[in-house]
Amino acid sequence: MEKYDILIVGAGPIGLACGLAAQKAGLTYLIIEKGCLTNSLYNYPLYMTFFSTSEKLEIGGIPWVSINAKPIRPEALEYYRRVAVANKLHVRLFEKVESITPGYTIKTSKETYTADHVIIATGFYDIPNMLNIPGEDLAKVTHYYKDPHFYATQKVVVVGANNSSVDAALETYRKGADVTMVIREGAIGKRVKYWVKPDIENRIAEGSIKVYYHANLKAIREREVDIQTPEGIVTIQNDYVLALTGYQPNFAFLENAGIQLSDDEKRHPKYNPETMETNMPGMYLAGVVCGGMNTAVWFIENSRDHADKIIADILRKK
């Protein structure tokens, strides 16, 4: 059984940042990732553009020079991969952490490890927020959007009004899809990227993309869907549904590790914002997982310093 100073769960940008900080401090560490390197970024839409500039997405003080004002997904994959490889970070991929017990003993799908400290940097992209409506389990429904070409000439319903939904609506429309948006609120989301918002609003205004505001998808069938609108149920023909209603952290995993969650709908995990240590001594949170259901609070750029806070606290205790 291998023993480490720190075991890091998640090899996303913040998990890698924690590995870099641990390595710089001379601590033994291991990063465990259930998928590929930066698994969430890999599963982002092919042509996704980040909101932030590249320097705000850098980790470990390692420069990232982008050829674009706002970097795109392939650049991010290249940058973080080169950071991990060039710095010889200790990462084990395609290995799922199954349990963490006090001590700490970490059981994965392949091995069992022990560590004095654990950092959970698992993000929130694994579990979609479900619609919980009839037909959601049909093969035509997806909660993840990847490539617009697949939807060419198809009748597509996009559920949601924020960045992922707007990007999917615009991209599939430009590949020849007949796009209808179903939006719970009365407008496009306020957090939509400022250079994209006028585009979607203009496409809606001219009728190129249809939209139902103050509406909800009520049922999905093989060739049509029902939409609840203020005027009543509307049934339209449909080939595919992109239910891009957001995602949430794996709360069961956090609770099973002993981390307390708030009793309200936010389900905020308990941690000290000065050190990132949870109610479990020696167990820390890093990155967007800290926000609970408030998944829009933490991003790469404002959680990079979590790594330094955590390692500083671990060194203080030695």
C-alpha atoms as a PDB file:
ATOM      1  CA  MET A   1       0.000   0.000   0.000  1.00  0.00           C
ATOM      2  CA  GLU A   2       1.541   3.264  -1.147  1.00  0.00           C
ATOM      3  CA  LYS A   3       1.673   6.168   1.327  1.00  0.00           C
ATOM      4  CA  TYR A   4       1.722   9.875   0.368  1.00  0.00           C
ATOM      5  CA  ASP A   5       1.688  13.228   2.085  1.00  0.00           C
ATOM      6  CA  ILE A   6      -1.211  14.226  -0.161  1.00  0.00           C
ATOM      7  CA  LEU A   7      -3.633  12.404  -2.404  1.00  0.00           C
ATOM      8  CA  ILE A   8      -5.437  14.685  -4.884  1.00  0.00           C
ATOM      9  CA  VAL A   9      -8.759  13.581  -6.371  1.00  0.00           C
ATOM     10  CA  GLY A  10      -9.250  15.076  -9.826  1.00  0.00           C
ATOM     11  CA  ALA A  11      -6.782  15.979 -12.580  1.00  0.00           C
ATOM     12  CA  GLY A  12      -8.521  19.095 -13.834  1.00  0.00           C
ATOM     13  CA  PRO A  13      -6.699  22.454 -13.907  1.00  0.00           C
ATOM     14  CA  ILE A  14      -7.083  22.995 -10.150  1.00  0.00           C
ATOM     15  CA  GLY A  15      -6.078  19.434  -9.288  1.00  0.00           C
ATOM     16  CA  LEU A  16      -2.971  19.909 -11.428  1.00  0.00           C
ATOM     17  CA  ALA A  17      -2.315  23.245  -9.697  1.00  0.00           C
ATOM     18  CA  CYS A  18      -2.421  21.430  -6.339  1.00  0.00           C
ATOM     19  CA  GLY A  19       0.049  18.880  -7.664  1.00  0.00           C
ATOM     20  CA  LEU A  20       2.415  21.621  -8.830  1.00  0.00           C
ATOM     21  CA  ALA A  21       2.235  23.355  -5.432  1.00  0.00           C
ATOM     22  CA  ALA A  22       2.835  20.086  -3.562  1.00  0.00           C
ATOM     23  CA  GLN A  23       5.776  19.241  -5.807  1.00  0.00           C
ATOM     24  CA  LYS A  24       7.306  22.680  -5.285  1.00  0.00           C
ATOM     25  CA  ALA A  25       6.960  22.247  -1.509  1.00  0.00           C
ATOM     26  CA  GLY A  26       8.762  18.899  -1.611  1.00  0.00           C
ATOM     27  CA  LEU A  27       5.727  16.911  -0.506  1.00  0.00           C
ATOM     28  CA  THR A  28       4.930  13.456  -1.823  1.00  0.00           C
ATOM     29  CA  TYR A  29       1.635  13.430  -3.706  1.00  0.00           C
ATOM     30  CA  LEU A  30      -0.464  11.549  -6.217  1.00  0.00           C
ATOM     31  CA  ILE A  31      -3.255  12.823  -8.463  1.00  0.00           C
ATOM     32  CA  ILE A  32      -6.028  10.318  -9.214  1.00  0.00           C
ATOM     33  CA  GLU A  33      -8.407  10.932 -12.133  1.00  0.00           C
ATOM     34  CA  LYS A  34     -11.323   8.699 -13.173  1.00  0.00           C
ATOM     35  CA  GLY A  35     -11.084   9.825 -16.810  1.00  0.00           C
ATOM     36  CA  CYS A  36      -8.477  11.380 -19.059  1.00  0.00           C
ATOM     37  CA  LEU A  37      -6.293  14.341 -18.152  1.00  0.00           C
ATOM     38  CA  THR A  38      -8.498  17.422 -17.608  1.00  0.00           C
ATOM     39  CA  ASN A  39     -11.473  15.170 -18.232  1.00  0.00           C
ATOM     40  CA  SER A  40     -14.129  17.896 -17.940  1.00  0.00           C
ATOM     41  CA  LEU A  41     -12.351  20.171 -20.420  1.00  0.00           C
ATOM     42  CA  TYR A  42     -12.012  17.244 -22.803  1.00  0.00           C
ATOM     43  CA  ASN A  43     -15.783  16.789 -22.706  1.00  0.00           C
ATOM     44  CA  TYR A  44     -16.539  20.458 -23.383  1.00  0.00           C
ATOM     45  CA  PRO A  45     -17.964  21.363 -26.825  1.00  0.00           C
ATOM     46  CA  LEU A  46     -15.319  21.058 -29.542  1.00  0.00           C
ATOM     47  CA  TYR A  47     -15.237  24.763 -30.377  1.00  0.00           C
ATOM     48  CA  MET A  48     -15.845  26.245 -26.931  1.00  0.00           C
ATOM     49  CA  THR A  49     -14.247  29.651 -26.269  1.00  0.00           C
ATOM     50  CA  PHE A  50     -13.303  30.522 -22.686  1.00  0.00           C
ATOM     51  CA  PHE A  51     -14.633  33.693 -21.088  1.00  0.00           C
ATOM     52  CA  SER A  52     -11.222  34.455 -19.574  1.00  0.00           C
ATOM     53  CA  THR A  53      -7.948  35.397 -21.199  1.00  0.00           C
ATOM     54  CA  SER A  54      -5.159  32.832 -21.162  1.00  0.00           C
ATOM     55  CA  GLU A  55      -3.096  34.491 -18.419  1.00  0.00           C
ATOM     56  CA  LYS A  56      -6.031  34.131 -16.017  1.00  0.00           C
ATOM     57  CA  LEU A  57      -6.164  30.403 -16.724  1.00  0.00           C
ATOM     58  CA  GLU A  58      -2.481  29.746 -16.058  1.00  0.00           C
ATOM     59  CA  ILE A  59      -1.497  27.481 -13.177  1.00  0.00           C
ATOM     60  CA  GLY A  60       1.736  27.187 -11.210  1.00  0.00           C
ATOM     61  CA  GLY A  61       3.036  30.452 -12.675  1.00  0.00           C
ATOM     62  CA  ILE A  62       3.629  28.711 -16.019  1.00  0.00           C
ATOM     63  CA  PRO A  63       2.929  31.104 -18.930  1.00  0.00           C
ATOM     64  CA  TRP A  64       0.201  30.391 -21.454  1.00  0.00           C
ATOM     65  CA  VAL A  65       0.366  32.415 -24.651  1.00  0.00           C
ATOM     66  CA  SER A  66      -2.768  32.050 -26.752  1.00  0.00           C
ATOM     67  CA  ILE A  67      -3.079  33.006 -30.415  1.00  0.00           C
ATOM     68  CA  ASN A  68      -6.629  34.156 -29.634  1.00  0.00           C
ATOM     69  CA  ALA A  69      -7.882  36.957 -27.398  1.00  0.00           C
ATOM     70  CA  LYS A  70      -9.912  34.287 -25.621  1.00  0.00           C
ATOM     71  CA  PRO A  71      -8.416  30.778 -25.741  1.00  0.00           C
ATOM     72  CA  ILE A  72     -10.372  27.855 -27.139  1.00  0.00           C
ATOM     73  CA  ARG A  73     -10.771  24.282 -25.919  1.00  0.00           C
ATOM     74  CA  PRO A  74      -7.943  22.697 -28.013  1.00  0.00           C
ATOM     75  CA  GLU A  75      -5.488  25.308 -26.692  1.00  0.00           C
ATOM     76  CA  ALA A  76      -6.538  24.561 -23.108  1.00  0.00           C
ATOM     77  CA  LEU A  77      -6.053  20.821 -23.568  1.00  0.00           C
ATOM     78  CA  GLU A  78      -2.612  21.442 -25.069  1.00  0.00           C
ATOM     79  CA  TYR A  79      -1.558  23.855 -22.305  1.00  0.00           C
ATOM     80  CA  TYR A  80      -2.616  21.712 -19.344  1.00  0.00           C
ATOM     81  CA  ARG A  81      -1.238  18.552 -20.934  1.00  0.00           C
ATOM     82  CA  ARG A  82       2.140  20.190 -21.501  1.00  0.00           C
ATOM     83  CA  VAL A  83       2.150  21.503 -17.921  1.00  0.00           C
ATOM     84  CA  ALA A  84       1.512  18.000 -16.569  1.00  0.00           C
ATOM     85  CA  VAL A  85       4.023  16.275 -18.839  1.00  0.00           C
ATOM     86  CA  ALA A  86       6.805  18.866 -18.666  1.00  0.00           C
ATOM     87  CA  ASN A  87       6.654  18.966 -14.874  1.00  0.00           C
ATOM     88  CA  LYS A  88       6.410  15.169 -14.595  1.00  0.00           C
ATOM     89  CA  LEU A  89       3.351  15.412 -12.367  1.00  0.00           C
ATOM     90  CA  HIS A  90       2.427  12.143 -10.683  1.00  0.00           C
ATOM     91  CA  VAL A  91      -0.964  11.412 -12.228  1.00  0.00           C
ATOM     92  CA  ARG A  92      -2.839   8.147 -12.551  1.00  0.00           C
ATOM     93  CA  LEU A  93      -5.632   8.306 -15.103  1.00  0.00           C
ATOM     94  CA  PHE A  94      -8.735   6.187 -15.708  1.00  0.00           C
ATOM     95  CA  GLU A  95      -8.767   5.218 -12.038  1.00  0.00           C
ATOM     96  CA  LYS A  96     -11.895   6.070 -10.056  1.00  0.00           C
ATOM     97  CA  VAL A  97     -11.751   6.890  -6.347  1.00  0.00           C
ATOM     98  CA  GLU A  98     -14.436   4.742  -4.750  1.00  0.00           C
ATOM     99  CA  SER A  99     -14.066   5.574  -1.072  1.00  0.00           C
ATOM    100  CA  ILE A 100     -12.093   7.706   1.379  1.00  0.00           C
ATOM    101  CA  THR A 101     -11.974   6.611   5.000  1.00  0.00           C
ATOM    102  CA  PRO A 102     -10.421   8.488   7.925  1.00  0.00           C
ATOM    103  CA  GLY A 103      -6.784   7.935   8.235  1.00  0.00           C
ATOM    104  CA  TYR A 104      -6.774   8.465   5.215  1.00  0.00           C
ATOM    105  CA  THR A 105      -7.234   5.283   3.224  1.00  0.00           C
ATOM    106  CA  ILE A 106      -8.250   5.836  -0.370  1.00  0.00           C
ATOM    107  CA  LYS A 107      -9.686   2.915  -2.293  1.00  0.00           C
ATOM    108  CA  THR A 108      -9.859   3.216  -6.073  1.00  0.00           C
ATOM    109  CA  SER A 109     -10.989   0.979  -8.909  1.00  0.00           C
ATOM    110  CA  LYS A 110      -7.392  -0.266  -9.192  1.00  0.00           C
ATOM    111  CA  GLU A 111      -5.457   0.230  -5.947  1.00  0.00           C
ATOM    112  CA  THR A 112      -5.581   1.230  -2.302  1.00  0.00           C
ATOM    113  CA  TYR A 113      -3.504   4.153  -1.009  1.00  0.00           C
ATOM    114  CA  THR A 114      -2.930   5.933   2.271  1.00  0.00           C
ATOM    115  CA  ALA A 115      -2.240   9.630   2.708  1.00  0.00           C
ATOM    116  CA  ASP A 116      -1.911  12.139   5.514  1.00  0.00           C
ATOM    117  CA  HIS A 117      -4.026  14.648   3.599  1.00  0.00           C
ATOM    118  CA  VAL A 118      -6.623  14.537   0.840  1.00  0.00           C
ATOM    119  CA  ILE A 119      -7.541  17.292  -1.620  1.00  0.00           C
ATOM    120  CA  ILE A 120     -10.837  16.912  -3.476  1.00  0.00           C
ATOM    121  CA  ALA A 121     -10.806  18.862  -6.742  1.00  0.00           C
ATOM    122  CA  THR A 122     -13.507  17.012  -8.632  1.00  0.00           C
ATOM    123  CA  GLY A 123     -15.418  19.877 -10.235  1.00  0.00           C
ATOM    124  CA  PHE A 124     -19.108  19.580 -11.045  1.00  0.00           C
ATOM    125  CA  TYR A 125     -19.437  18.370 -14.630  1.00  0.00           C
ATOM    126  CA  ASP A 126     -20.268  14.705 -14.004  1.00  0.00           C
ATOM    127  CA  ILE A 127     -23.899  14.842 -12.887  1.00  0.00           C
ATOM    128  CA  PRO A 128     -26.407  16.778 -15.026  1.00  0.00           C
ATOM    129  CA  ASN A 129     -29.419  18.523 -13.520  1.00  0.00           C
ATOM    130  CA  MET A 130     -32.268  16.354 -14.748  1.00  0.00           C
ATOM    131  CA  LEU A 131     -35.546  17.613 -16.160  1.00  0.00           C
ATOM    132  CA  ASN A 132     -37.421  14.695 -14.552  1.00  0.00           C
ATOM    133  CA  ILE A 133     -40.012  14.527 -17.302  1.00  0.00           C
ATOM    134  CA  PRO A 134     -41.416  11.653 -19.392  1.00  0.00           C
ATOM    135  CA  GLY A 135     -39.124  10.682 -22.253  1.00  0.00           C
ATOM    136  CA  GLU A 136     -35.925  12.105 -20.786  1.00  0.00           C
ATOM    137  CA  ASP A 137     -34.368   8.645 -21.017  1.00  0.00           C
ATOM    138  CA  LEU A 138     -34.826   8.444 -24.804  1.00  0.00           C
ATOM    139  CA  ALA A 139     -31.672   8.154 -26.912  1.00  0.00           C
ATOM    140  CA  LYS A 140     -32.514  11.446 -28.669  1.00  0.00           C
ATOM    141  CA  VAL A 141     -31.943  13.357 -25.410  1.00  0.00           C
ATOM    142  CA  THR A 142     -28.499  14.447 -24.227  1.00  0.00           C
ATOM    143  CA  HIS A 143     -27.284  16.602 -21.356  1.00  0.00           C
ATOM    144  CA  TYR A 144     -23.884  17.098 -23.014  1.00  0.00           C
ATOM    145  CA  TYR A 145     -23.292  18.940 -26.272  1.00  0.00           C
ATOM    146  CA  LYS A 146     -20.154  18.273 -28.308  1.00  0.00           C
ATOM    147  CA  ASP A 147     -20.289  18.890 -32.070  1.00  0.00           C
ATOM    148  CA  PRO A 148     -22.890  20.825 -34.139  1.00  0.00           C
ATOM    149  CA  HIS A 149     -22.396  18.871 -37.376  1.00  0.00           C
ATOM    150  CA  PHE A 150     -24.291  15.893 -35.957  1.00  0.00           C
ATOM    151  CA  TYR A 151     -27.504  17.966 -35.859  1.00  0.00           C
ATOM    152  CA  ALA A 152     -27.435  19.263 -39.439  1.00  0.00           C
ATOM    153  CA  THR A 153     -30.977  19.381 -40.995  1.00  0.00           C
ATOM    154  CA  GLN A 154     -32.521  18.090 -37.728  1.00  0.00           C
ATOM    155  CA  LYS A 155     -35.229  19.665 -35.589  1.00  0.00           C
ATOM    156  CA  VAL A 156     -33.438  20.469 -32.349  1.00  0.00           C
ATOM    157  CA  VAL A 157     -34.814  21.700 -29.030  1.00  0.00           C
ATOM    158  CA  VAL A 158     -32.286  23.389 -26.740  1.00  0.00           C
ATOM    159  CA  VAL A 159     -33.307  23.735 -23.083  1.00  0.00           C
ATOM    160  CA  GLY A 160     -31.646  26.542 -21.132  1.00  0.00           C
ATOM    161  CA  ALA A 161     -30.555  30.156 -21.531  1.00  0.00           C
ATOM    162  CA  ASN A 162     -26.940  30.314 -20.388  1.00  0.00           C
ATOM    163  CA  ASN A 163     -23.615  29.915 -22.185  1.00  0.00           C
ATOM    164  CA  SER A 164     -23.781  26.217 -23.034  1.00  0.00           C
ATOM    165  CA  SER A 165     -27.347  26.488 -24.338  1.00  0.00           C
ATOM    166  CA  VAL A 166     -26.686  29.644 -26.348  1.00  0.00           C
ATOM    167  CA  ASP A 167     -23.517  28.212 -27.901  1.00  0.00           C
ATOM    168  CA  ALA A 168     -25.349  25.015 -28.858  1.00  0.00           C
ATOM    169  CA  ALA A 169     -28.289  26.917 -30.343  1.00  0.00           C
ATOM    170  CA  LEU A 170     -26.081  29.172 -32.459  1.00  0.00           C
ATOM    171  CA  GLU A 171     -23.690  26.464 -33.614  1.00  0.00           C
ATOM    172  CA  THR A 172     -26.352  23.922 -34.550  1.00  0.00           C
ATOM    173  CA  TYR A 173     -28.380  26.629 -36.322  1.00  0.00           C
ATOM    174  CA  ARG A 174     -25.326  27.560 -38.395  1.00  0.00           C
ATOM    175  CA  LYS A 175     -24.882  23.902 -39.378  1.00  0.00           C
ATOM    176  CA  GLY A 176     -28.409  23.793 -40.745  1.00  0.00           C
ATOM    177  CA  ALA A 177     -30.495  22.660 -37.771  1.00  0.00           C
ATOM    178  CA  ASP A 178     -34.030  23.927 -37.146  1.00  0.00           C
ATOM    179  CA  VAL A 179     -33.539  25.230 -33.596  1.00  0.00           C
ATOM    180  CA  THR A 180     -36.108  25.971 -30.900  1.00  0.00           C
ATOM    181  CA  MET A 181     -35.030  27.202 -27.457  1.00  0.00           C
ATOM    182  CA  VAL A 182     -37.084  26.546 -24.326  1.00  0.00           C
ATOM    183  CA  ILE A 183     -36.232  29.090 -21.617  1.00  0.00           C
ATOM    184  CA  ARG A 184     -37.659  29.139 -18.109  1.00  0.00           C
ATOM    185  CA  GLU A 185     -37.005  32.848 -17.611  1.00  0.00           C
ATOM    186  CA  GLY A 186     -38.075  35.799 -19.763  1.00  0.00           C
ATOM    187  CA  ALA A 187     -34.726  36.485 -21.423  1.00  0.00           C
ATOM    188  CA  ILE A 188     -31.324  35.107 -22.358  1.00  0.00           C
ATOM    189  CA  GLY A 189     -29.139  34.574 -19.272  1.00  0.00           C
ATOM    190  CA  LYS A 190     -27.205  37.529 -17.866  1.00  0.00           C
ATOM    191  CA  ARG A 191     -23.985  35.489 -17.673  1.00  0.00           C
ATOM    192  CA  VAL A 192     -23.888  34.744 -21.408  1.00  0.00           C
ATOM    193  CA  LYS A 193     -20.562  35.844 -22.938  1.00  0.00           C
ATOM    194  CA  TYR A 194     -20.820  39.503 -23.907  1.00  0.00           C
ATOM    195  CA  TRP A 195     -19.685  38.922 -27.486  1.00  0.00           C
ATOM    196  CA  VAL A 196     -22.229  36.130 -27.975  1.00  0.00           C
ATOM    197  CA  LYS A 197     -25.312  37.716 -26.387  1.00  0.00           C
ATOM    198  CA  PRO A 198     -26.087  40.139 -29.265  1.00  0.00           C
ATOM    199  CA  ASP A 199     -25.705  37.296 -31.758  1.00  0.00           C
ATOM    200  CA  ILE A 200     -28.307  35.046 -30.127  1.00  0.00           C
ATOM    201  CA  GLU A 201     -30.674  37.943 -29.475  1.00  0.00           C
ATOM    202  CA  ASN A 202     -30.489  39.019 -33.121  1.00  0.00           C
ATOM    203  CA  ARG A 203     -31.051  35.478 -34.390  1.00  0.00           C
ATOM    204  CA  ILE A 204     -34.125  35.224 -32.169  1.00  0.00           C
ATOM    205  CA  ALA A 205     -35.396  38.658 -33.229  1.00  0.00           C
ATOM    206  CA  GLU A 206     -35.179  37.799 -36.926  1.00  0.00           C
ATOM    207  CA  GLY A 207     -36.842  34.420 -36.378  1.00  0.00           C
ATOM    208  CA  SER A 208     -33.869  32.271 -37.371  1.00  0.00           C
ATOM    209  CA  ILE A 209     -33.959  30.635 -33.944  1.00  0.00           C
ATOM    210  CA  LYS A 210     -37.369  30.158 -32.349  1.00  0.00           C
ATOM    211  CA  VAL A 211     -37.818  30.592 -28.617  1.00  0.00           C
ATOM    212  CA  TYR A 212     -40.430  30.007 -25.924  1.00  0.00           C
ATOM    213  CA  TYR A 213     -39.891  32.195 -22.849  1.00  0.00           C
ATOM    214  CA  HIS A 214     -41.361  31.465 -19.404  1.00  0.00           C
ATOM    215  CA  ALA A 215     -41.627  27.903 -20.645  1.00  0.00           C
ATOM    216  CA  ASN A 216     -40.687  24.366 -19.638  1.00  0.00           C
ATOM    217  CA  LEU A 217     -40.324  21.130 -21.527  1.00  0.00           C
ATOM    218  CA  LYS A 218     -43.056  18.825 -20.237  1.00  0.00           C
ATOM    219  CA  ALA A 219     -42.720  15.602 -22.230  1.00  0.00           C
ATOM    220  CA  ILE A 220     -40.481  14.082 -24.894  1.00  0.00           C
ATOM    221  CA  ARG A 221     -41.512  11.509 -27.464  1.00  0.00           C
ATOM    222  CA  GLU A 222     -39.695   9.969 -30.420  1.00  0.00           C
ATOM    223  CA  ARG A 223     -40.861  12.551 -32.962  1.00  0.00           C
ATOM    224  CA  GLU A 224     -42.249  15.447 -30.905  1.00  0.00           C
ATOM    225  CA  VAL A 225     -42.114  17.290 -27.611  1.00  0.00           C
ATOM    226  CA  ASP A 226     -44.617  19.112 -25.401  1.00  0.00           C
ATOM    227  CA  ILE A 227     -43.730  22.586 -24.154  1.00  0.00           C
ATOM    228  CA  GLN A 228     -45.577  24.260 -21.293  1.00  0.00           C
ATOM    229  CA  THR A 229     -45.977  27.930 -22.202  1.00  0.00           C
ATOM    230  CA  PRO A 230     -47.933  30.752 -20.512  1.00  0.00           C
ATOM    231  CA  GLU A 231     -50.613  30.173 -23.172  1.00  0.00           C
ATOM    232  CA  GLY A 232     -50.777  26.427 -22.575  1.00  0.00           C
ATOM    233  CA  ILE A 233     -49.191  23.256 -23.958  1.00  0.00           C
ATOM    234  CA  VAL A 234     -47.533  23.550 -27.383  1.00  0.00           C
ATOM    235  CA  THR A 235     -46.536  20.395 -29.268  1.00  0.00           C
ATOM    236  CA  ILE A 236     -43.825  20.633 -31.927  1.00  0.00           C
ATOM    237  CA  GLN A 237     -42.011  18.133 -34.110  1.00  0.00           C
ATOM    238  CA  ASN A 238     -38.563  17.203 -32.832  1.00  0.00           C
ATOM    239  CA  ASP A 239     -35.578  14.975 -33.625  1.00  0.00           C
ATOM    240  CA  TYR A 240     -33.169  15.793 -30.779  1.00  0.00           C
ATOM    241  CA  VAL A 241     -33.246  17.483 -27.374  1.00  0.00           C
ATOM    242  CA  LEU A 242     -30.186  19.182 -25.873  1.00  0.00           C
ATOM    243  CA  ALA A 243     -31.111  19.520 -22.195  1.00  0.00           C
ATOM    244  CA  LEU A 244     -28.293  21.860 -21.164  1.00  0.00           C
ATOM    245  CA  THR A 245     -29.657  22.706 -17.749  1.00  0.00           C
ATOM    246  CA  GLY A 246     -26.391  22.677 -15.826  1.00  0.00           C
ATOM    247  CA  TYR A 247     -24.533  20.188 -13.663  1.00  0.00           C
ATOM    248  CA  GLN A 248     -23.791  19.535 -10.010  1.00  0.00           C
ATOM    249  CA  PRO A 249     -20.989  18.111  -7.875  1.00  0.00           C
ATOM    250  CA  ASN A 250     -21.097  14.506  -6.728  1.00  0.00           C
ATOM    251  CA  PHE A 251     -22.640  15.263  -3.350  1.00  0.00           C
ATOM    252  CA  ALA A 252     -22.866  11.599  -2.388  1.00  0.00           C
ATOM    253  CA  PHE A 253     -19.106  11.273  -2.809  1.00  0.00           C
ATOM    254  CA  LEU A 254     -18.500  14.310  -0.579  1.00  0.00           C
ATOM    255  CA  GLU A 255     -20.889  13.077   2.103  1.00  0.00           C
ATOM    256  CA  ASN A 256     -19.436   9.572   2.056  1.00  0.00           C
ATOM    257  CA  ALA A 257     -16.017  11.138   2.649  1.00  0.00           C
ATOM    258  CA  GLY A 258     -17.456  12.802   5.765  1.00  0.00           C
ATOM    259  CA  ILE A 259     -17.849  16.354   4.465  1.00  0.00           C
ATOM    260  CA  GLN A 260     -20.844  18.227   5.835  1.00  0.00           C
ATOM    261  CA  LEU A 261     -23.214  19.941   3.395  1.00  0.00           C
ATOM    262  CA  SER A 262     -25.586  22.800   4.139  1.00  0.00           C
ATOM    263  CA  ASP A 263     -29.235  21.821   4.677  1.00  0.00           C
ATOM    264  CA  ASP A 264     -30.588  24.284   2.097  1.00  0.00           C
ATOM    265  CA  GLU A 265     -30.862  23.861  -1.653  1.00  0.00           C
ATOM    266  CA  LYS A 266     -27.363  25.296  -2.173  1.00  0.00           C
ATOM    267  CA  ARG A 267     -25.752  22.258  -0.480  1.00  0.00           C
ATOM    268  CA  HIS A 268     -22.581  24.188   0.264  1.00  0.00           C
ATOM    269  CA  PRO A 269     -19.797  21.932   1.568  1.00  0.00           C
ATOM    270  CA  LYS A 270     -18.296  23.021   4.872  1.00  0.00           C
ATOM    271  CA  TYR A 271     -14.737  24.365   4.657  1.00  0.00           C
ATOM    272  CA  ASN A 272     -12.524  27.154   5.991  1.00  0.00           C
ATOM    273  CA  PRO A 273     -12.061  29.720   3.186  1.00  0.00           C
ATOM    274  CA  GLU A 274      -8.673  30.720   4.622  1.00  0.00           C
ATOM    275  CA  THR A 275      -7.207  27.217   4.398  1.00  0.00           C
ATOM    276  CA  MET A 276      -9.789  25.285   2.284  1.00  0.00           C
ATOM    277  CA  GLU A 277      -9.848  22.589   5.014  1.00  0.00           C
ATOM    278  CA  THR A 278     -13.198  20.891   5.510  1.00  0.00           C
ATOM    279  CA  ASN A 279     -14.796  19.689   8.738  1.00  0.00           C
ATOM    280  CA  MET A 280     -12.667  16.556   8.217  1.00  0.00           C
ATOM    281  CA  PRO A 281      -9.161  17.417   9.519  1.00  0.00           C
ATOM    282  CA  GLY A 282      -6.591  17.050   6.777  1.00  0.00           C
ATOM    283  CA  MET A 283      -9.206  16.925   3.995  1.00  0.00           C
ATOM    284  CA  TYR A 284      -9.433  19.938   1.686  1.00  0.00           C
ATOM    285  CA  LEU A 285     -11.573  21.190  -1.184  1.00  0.00           C
ATOM    286  CA  ALA A 286     -10.253  23.030  -4.233  1.00  0.00           C
ATOM    287  CA  GLY A 287     -11.901  24.574  -7.268  1.00  0.00           C
ATOM    288  CA  VAL A 288     -15.511  24.727  -8.348  1.00  0.00           C
ATOM    289  CA  VAL A 289     -16.591  21.849  -6.087  1.00  0.00           C
ATOM    290  CA  CYS A 290     -16.505  24.408  -3.254  1.00  0.00           C
ATOM    291  CA  GLY A 291     -19.634  26.133  -4.546  1.00  0.00           C
ATOM    292  CA  GLY A 292     -22.129  23.333  -4.072  1.00  0.00           C
ATOM    293  CA  MET A 293     -25.084  24.033  -6.348  1.00  0.00           C
ATOM    294  CA  ASN A 294     -23.715  27.550  -6.930  1.00  0.00           C
ATOM    295  CA  THR A 295     -21.625  26.274  -9.817  1.00  0.00           C
ATOM    296  CA  ALA A 296     -21.191  29.772 -11.284  1.00  0.00           C
ATOM    297  CA  VAL A 297     -19.266  31.076  -8.254  1.00  0.00           C
ATOM    298  CA  TRP A 298     -15.899  29.405  -8.799  1.00  0.00           C
ATOM    299  CA  PHE A 299     -13.899  29.247 -12.014  1.00  0.00           C
ATOM    300  CA  ILE A 300     -10.302  28.378 -12.864  1.00  0.00           C
ATOM    301  CA  GLU A 301      -9.181  31.989 -12.595  1.00  0.00           C
ATOM    302  CA  ASN A 302     -10.569  32.678  -9.110  1.00  0.00           C
ATOM    303  CA  SER A 303      -9.762  29.294  -7.561  1.00  0.00           C
ATOM    304  CA  ARG A 304      -6.136  28.868  -8.679  1.00  0.00           C
ATOM    305  CA  ASP A 305      -4.993  30.214  -5.318  1.00  0.00           C
ATOM    306  CA  HIS A 306      -6.724  27.337  -3.509  1.00  0.00           C
ATOM    307  CA  ALA A 307      -3.645  25.220  -4.209  1.00  0.00           C
ATOM    308  CA  ASP A 308      -1.287  27.631  -2.457  1.00  0.00           C
ATOM    309  CA  LYS A 309      -3.670  28.054   0.505  1.00  0.00           C
ATOM    310  CA  ILE A 310      -3.902  24.306   0.994  1.00  0.00           C
ATOM    311  CA  ILE A 311      -0.191  23.573   0.722  1.00  0.00           C
ATOM    312  CA  ALA A 312       0.631  26.479   3.052  1.00  0.00           C
ATOM    313  CA  ASP A 313      -1.757  25.053   5.664  1.00  0.00           C
ATOM    314  CA  ILE A 314      -0.298  21.554   5.315  1.00  0.00           C
ATOM    315  CA  LEU A 315       3.238  22.903   5.746  1.00  0.00           C
ATOM    316  CA  ARG A 316       2.191  24.887   8.828  1.00  0.00           C
ATOM    317  CA  LYS A 317       1.003  21.659  10.450  1.00  0.00           C
ATOM    318  CA  LYS A 318       4.231  19.741   9.822  1.00  0.00           C
END
